[in-house]
């Protein structure tokens, strides 16, 4: 069964029950990631999908209210509706089926998103975030350490946070570089000692902002712990 995507709603198949089965199966496929405690990239994909479907609905409603045109088809790649003037063209039942599917599927997609958000919030609350040593005024560049309890490691990453604007909104982008991993032993090295070692090794950051993201969770690192930790880091820098 394929995972759900925007293309799931543009099948030439006109059998209503078959389309329902296919879409529900696609939602179930992505929710397996949440059952396995994997957040990324599934949650972001579902949120983007819901946003696209909501946009299509809104665009159609605006069309019906203001313009004497009818829908001819869809541009799947651009995720846009193709219009044509009202005339002698026959009503396209397959187009109506697509909109009916969207209306029917959105509550299930929202339910899946809510499941992912609950998982995200749980992980976020169970990651301890603290500074290591004296914090400099400049925090847009430095290091952060993250525990990987499955691999019994402490991962060391260098980060650089930059600010960019999109229209009236401003966003922060985080660039990371893997430095090394520290094998976790019964007696662990202190984060402060690792920071001092990094200062000696990398002279371009003599007084780096350094953070520790620690957790007891044994959840997947790349799909869950790492992306949640990065979001916490961005939020702390922006505060």
Protein backbone atom coordinates (compact mmCIF):
# COMPACT_ATOMS: atom_id res chain seq x y z
CA UNK A 1 0.00 0.00 0.00
CA UNK A 2 1.38 3.42 -1.00
CA UNK A 3 1.66 6.21 1.52
CA UNK A 4 -0.86 8.98 1.19
CA UNK A 5 0.15 12.05 -0.80
CA UNK A 6 -1.50 14.76 -2.86
CA UNK A 7 -1.45 12.35 -5.81
CA UNK A 8 -3.68 9.93 -3.87
CA UNK A 9 -6.65 12.17 -4.66
CA UNK A 10 -6.06 12.38 -8.40
CA UNK A 11 -6.47 8.76 -9.42
CA UNK A 12 -8.52 8.10 -12.57
CA UNK A 13 -10.33 5.40 -10.57
CA UNK A 14 -13.99 6.37 -10.08
CA UNK A 15 -14.96 3.60 -7.66
CA UNK A 16 -15.80 5.38 -4.41
CA UNK A 17 -15.12 2.47 -2.05
CA UNK A 18 -11.85 1.64 -3.77
CA UNK A 19 -10.68 5.24 -3.40
CA UNK A 20 -11.66 5.23 0.26
CA UNK A 21 -9.76 2.00 0.82
CA UNK A 22 -6.67 3.34 -0.93
CA UNK A 23 -6.60 6.63 1.01
CA UNK A 24 -7.29 5.01 4.39
CA UNK A 25 -4.55 2.50 3.65
CA UNK A 26 -2.16 5.34 2.81
CA UNK A 27 -2.95 7.11 6.09
CA UNK A 28 -2.43 3.85 7.98
CA UNK A 29 0.97 3.44 6.33
CA UNK A 30 2.25 6.80 7.53
CA UNK A 31 0.80 6.27 11.01
CA UNK A 32 2.97 3.17 11.37
CA UNK A 33 5.86 5.60 11.78
CA UNK A 34 4.17 7.14 14.82
CA UNK A 35 3.61 3.66 16.26
CA UNK A 36 7.36 3.13 15.87
CA UNK A 37 7.99 6.50 17.63
CA UNK A 38 9.21 8.11 14.40
CA UNK A 39 8.18 11.74 13.87
CA UNK A 40 10.26 13.02 10.95
CA UNK A 41 9.48 13.38 8.08
CA UNK A 42 5.97 11.93 8.48
CA UNK A 43 4.42 14.66 10.63
CA UNK A 44 5.70 17.49 8.42
CA UNK A 45 4.46 15.66 5.32
CA UNK A 46 0.95 15.23 6.76
CA UNK A 47 0.75 18.89 7.79
CA UNK A 48 1.85 19.98 4.32
CA UNK A 49 -0.71 17.64 2.72
CA UNK A 50 -3.54 19.02 4.84
CA UNK A 51 -2.49 22.58 3.99
CA UNK A 52 -2.54 21.75 0.26
CA UNK A 53 -5.99 20.15 0.45
CA UNK A 54 -7.35 23.07 2.46
CA UNK A 55 -5.99 25.45 -0.17
CA UNK A 56 -7.70 23.51 -2.95
CA UNK A 57 -11.00 23.64 -1.05
CA UNK A 58 -10.66 27.37 -0.37
CA UNK A 59 -9.76 28.10 -3.97
CA UNK A 60 -12.85 26.26 -5.17
CA UNK A 61 -15.09 28.08 -2.71
CA UNK A 62 -13.74 31.45 -3.83
CA UNK A 63 -14.33 30.42 -7.42
CA UNK A 64 -17.95 29.51 -6.77
CA UNK A 65 -18.57 32.80 -4.97
CA UNK A 66 -16.92 35.22 -7.40
CA UNK A 67 -16.12 33.89 -10.85
CA UNK A 68 -18.30 32.46 -13.66
CA UNK A 69 -15.82 29.69 -14.40
CA UNK A 70 -15.76 25.97 -13.85
CA UNK A 71 -13.03 23.53 -12.96
CA UNK A 72 -11.41 21.71 -15.87
CA UNK A 73 -8.75 19.70 -14.07
CA UNK A 74 -5.72 19.79 -11.79
CA UNK A 75 -2.02 20.45 -12.12
CA UNK A 76 -0.67 17.87 -9.68
CA UNK A 77 2.93 19.12 -9.74
CA UNK A 78 1.94 22.72 -8.99
CA UNK A 79 -0.99 21.65 -6.78
CA UNK A 80 -3.27 24.12 -8.55
CA UNK A 81 -6.74 23.95 -10.03
CA UNK A 82 -7.11 24.53 -13.80
CA UNK A 83 -10.15 26.58 -14.75
CA UNK A 84 -12.13 27.26 -17.92
CA UNK A 85 -15.02 29.66 -18.66
CA UNK A 86 -18.54 28.39 -18.19
CA UNK A 87 -20.06 27.28 -21.46
CA UNK A 88 -21.27 24.13 -23.09
CA UNK A 89 -18.68 21.90 -21.43
CA UNK A 90 -20.11 18.90 -19.67
CA UNK A 91 -19.83 18.70 -15.89
CA UNK A 92 -16.93 16.45 -14.91
CA UNK A 93 -18.14 13.87 -12.40
CA UNK A 94 -14.57 12.76 -11.68
CA UNK A 95 -13.70 16.28 -10.52
CA UNK A 96 -16.62 16.19 -8.09
CA UNK A 97 -15.43 12.82 -6.83
CA UNK A 98 -12.02 14.34 -6.03
CA UNK A 99 -13.57 17.12 -3.96
CA UNK A 100 -15.82 14.64 -2.18
CA UNK A 101 -12.79 12.51 -1.36
CA UNK A 102 -10.95 15.55 -0.01
CA UNK A 103 -13.87 16.46 2.27
CA UNK A 104 -14.18 12.87 3.44
CA UNK A 105 -10.44 12.33 4.03
CA UNK A 106 -9.54 15.56 5.86
CA UNK A 107 -10.88 14.42 9.29
CA UNK A 108 -8.78 11.23 9.05
CA UNK A 109 -5.68 13.24 8.07
CA UNK A 110 -6.31 15.65 10.96
CA UNK A 111 -6.63 12.70 13.34
CA UNK A 112 -3.28 11.33 12.12
CA UNK A 113 -1.67 14.77 12.56
CA UNK A 114 -3.01 14.98 16.11
CA UNK A 115 -1.44 11.61 16.85
CA UNK A 116 1.91 12.87 15.59
CA UNK A 117 1.64 16.09 17.60
CA UNK A 118 0.94 14.14 20.79
CA UNK A 119 4.11 12.13 20.15
CA UNK A 120 6.09 15.27 19.37
CA UNK A 121 4.91 17.00 22.57
CA UNK A 122 5.80 13.94 24.64
CA UNK A 123 9.33 13.84 23.24
CA UNK A 124 9.73 17.61 23.60
CA UNK A 125 8.78 17.46 27.29
CA UNK A 126 11.19 14.60 27.92
CA UNK A 127 14.28 16.22 26.44
CA UNK A 128 16.20 18.25 29.00
CA UNK A 129 17.81 21.32 27.46
CA UNK A 130 20.55 23.19 29.31
CA UNK A 131 23.55 25.38 28.63
CA UNK A 132 27.08 24.08 29.15
CA UNK A 133 29.46 26.45 30.92
CA UNK A 134 29.36 30.24 30.57
CA UNK A 135 27.02 31.44 27.83
CA UNK A 136 28.40 34.17 25.53
CA UNK A 137 26.28 37.01 24.14
CA UNK A 138 26.63 35.56 20.63
CA UNK A 139 24.57 32.36 20.47
CA UNK A 140 24.02 31.98 16.71
CA UNK A 141 27.00 29.64 16.40
CA UNK A 142 28.34 26.96 18.68
CA UNK A 143 27.93 23.32 19.69
CA UNK A 144 25.18 21.10 20.99
CA UNK A 145 25.38 17.61 22.47
CA UNK A 146 22.55 15.08 22.12
CA UNK A 147 22.15 11.69 23.76
CA UNK A 148 21.41 8.70 21.53
CA UNK A 149 20.25 6.06 24.00
CA UNK A 150 19.82 3.34 21.38
CA UNK A 151 23.47 3.58 20.32
CA UNK A 152 24.66 4.48 23.85
CA UNK A 153 26.34 7.60 22.48
CA UNK A 154 26.53 11.31 23.04
CA UNK A 155 26.57 12.99 19.65
CA UNK A 156 28.52 16.23 19.27
CA UNK A 157 27.28 18.67 16.62
CA UNK A 158 28.32 22.12 15.57
CA UNK A 159 25.51 24.50 14.62
CA UNK A 160 25.03 27.82 12.88
CA UNK A 161 21.71 29.65 13.09
CA UNK A 162 20.81 32.31 10.52
CA UNK A 163 17.83 34.64 10.14
CA UNK A 164 16.01 35.07 6.83
CA UNK A 165 12.85 36.84 5.75
CA UNK A 166 9.97 35.61 3.58
CA UNK A 167 7.58 38.44 2.90
CA UNK A 168 6.70 40.02 6.23
CA UNK A 169 7.67 36.94 8.22
CA UNK A 170 11.12 36.14 9.59
CA UNK A 171 12.44 32.63 10.12
CA UNK A 172 15.52 31.00 11.56
CA UNK A 173 17.40 28.33 9.65
CA UNK A 174 19.67 25.90 11.46
CA UNK A 175 22.71 24.40 9.78
CA UNK A 176 24.37 21.52 11.59
CA UNK A 177 27.65 19.67 11.21
CA UNK A 178 28.34 16.33 12.87
CA UNK A 179 31.61 16.52 14.79
CA UNK A 180 31.90 13.16 16.54
CA UNK A 181 30.19 10.78 18.92
CA UNK A 182 31.22 9.95 22.46
CA UNK A 183 30.63 6.39 23.63
CA UNK A 184 28.59 6.49 26.84
CA UNK A 185 30.22 4.51 29.63
CA UNK A 186 29.35 3.88 33.25
CA UNK A 187 31.41 6.92 34.19
CA UNK A 188 30.55 9.57 31.64
CA UNK A 189 32.68 12.49 30.59
CA UNK A 190 31.22 15.79 31.67
CA UNK A 191 29.83 18.11 28.98
CA UNK A 192 32.17 20.82 30.27
CA UNK A 193 35.26 18.67 29.58
CA UNK A 194 34.03 17.94 26.03
CA UNK A 195 33.46 21.66 25.47
CA UNK A 196 37.00 22.54 26.62
CA UNK A 197 38.39 19.89 24.29
CA UNK A 198 36.46 21.34 21.35
CA UNK A 199 37.82 24.83 22.11
CA UNK A 200 41.37 23.48 21.94
CA UNK A 201 40.68 21.59 18.71
CA UNK A 202 38.77 24.32 16.89
CA UNK A 203 40.38 27.70 17.42
CA UNK A 204 37.78 29.64 15.37
CA UNK A 205 35.28 29.38 18.24
CA UNK A 206 37.23 30.44 21.36
CA UNK A 207 34.10 30.93 23.49
CA UNK A 208 31.30 28.94 21.84
CA UNK A 209 27.70 28.79 22.96
CA UNK A 210 27.21 25.17 23.98
CA UNK A 211 24.06 23.27 24.85
CA UNK A 212 23.19 19.79 26.09
CA UNK A 213 20.03 17.95 25.00
CA UNK A 214 19.65 14.99 27.32
CA UNK A 215 16.87 12.42 27.56
CA UNK A 216 16.08 9.00 28.97
CA UNK A 217 13.99 8.10 25.90
CA UNK A 218 15.20 5.25 23.71
CA UNK A 219 13.36 6.56 20.63
CA UNK A 220 14.82 6.59 17.09
CA UNK A 221 17.54 9.23 16.93
CA UNK A 222 17.46 10.49 13.33
CA UNK A 223 13.68 10.44 12.97
CA UNK A 224 12.72 11.76 16.41
CA UNK A 225 15.31 12.81 18.99
CA UNK A 226 17.53 14.82 16.65
CA UNK A 227 14.79 16.88 14.88
CA UNK A 228 12.99 17.66 18.16
CA UNK A 229 16.29 18.71 19.77
CA UNK A 230 17.04 21.02 16.85
CA UNK A 231 13.66 22.72 17.22
CA UNK A 232 14.33 23.24 20.93
CA UNK A 233 17.72 24.73 20.07
CA UNK A 234 16.21 27.18 17.57
CA UNK A 235 13.54 28.21 20.06
CA UNK A 236 16.15 28.81 22.77
CA UNK A 237 18.36 30.92 20.49
CA UNK A 238 15.38 32.97 19.32
CA UNK A 239 14.16 33.63 22.88
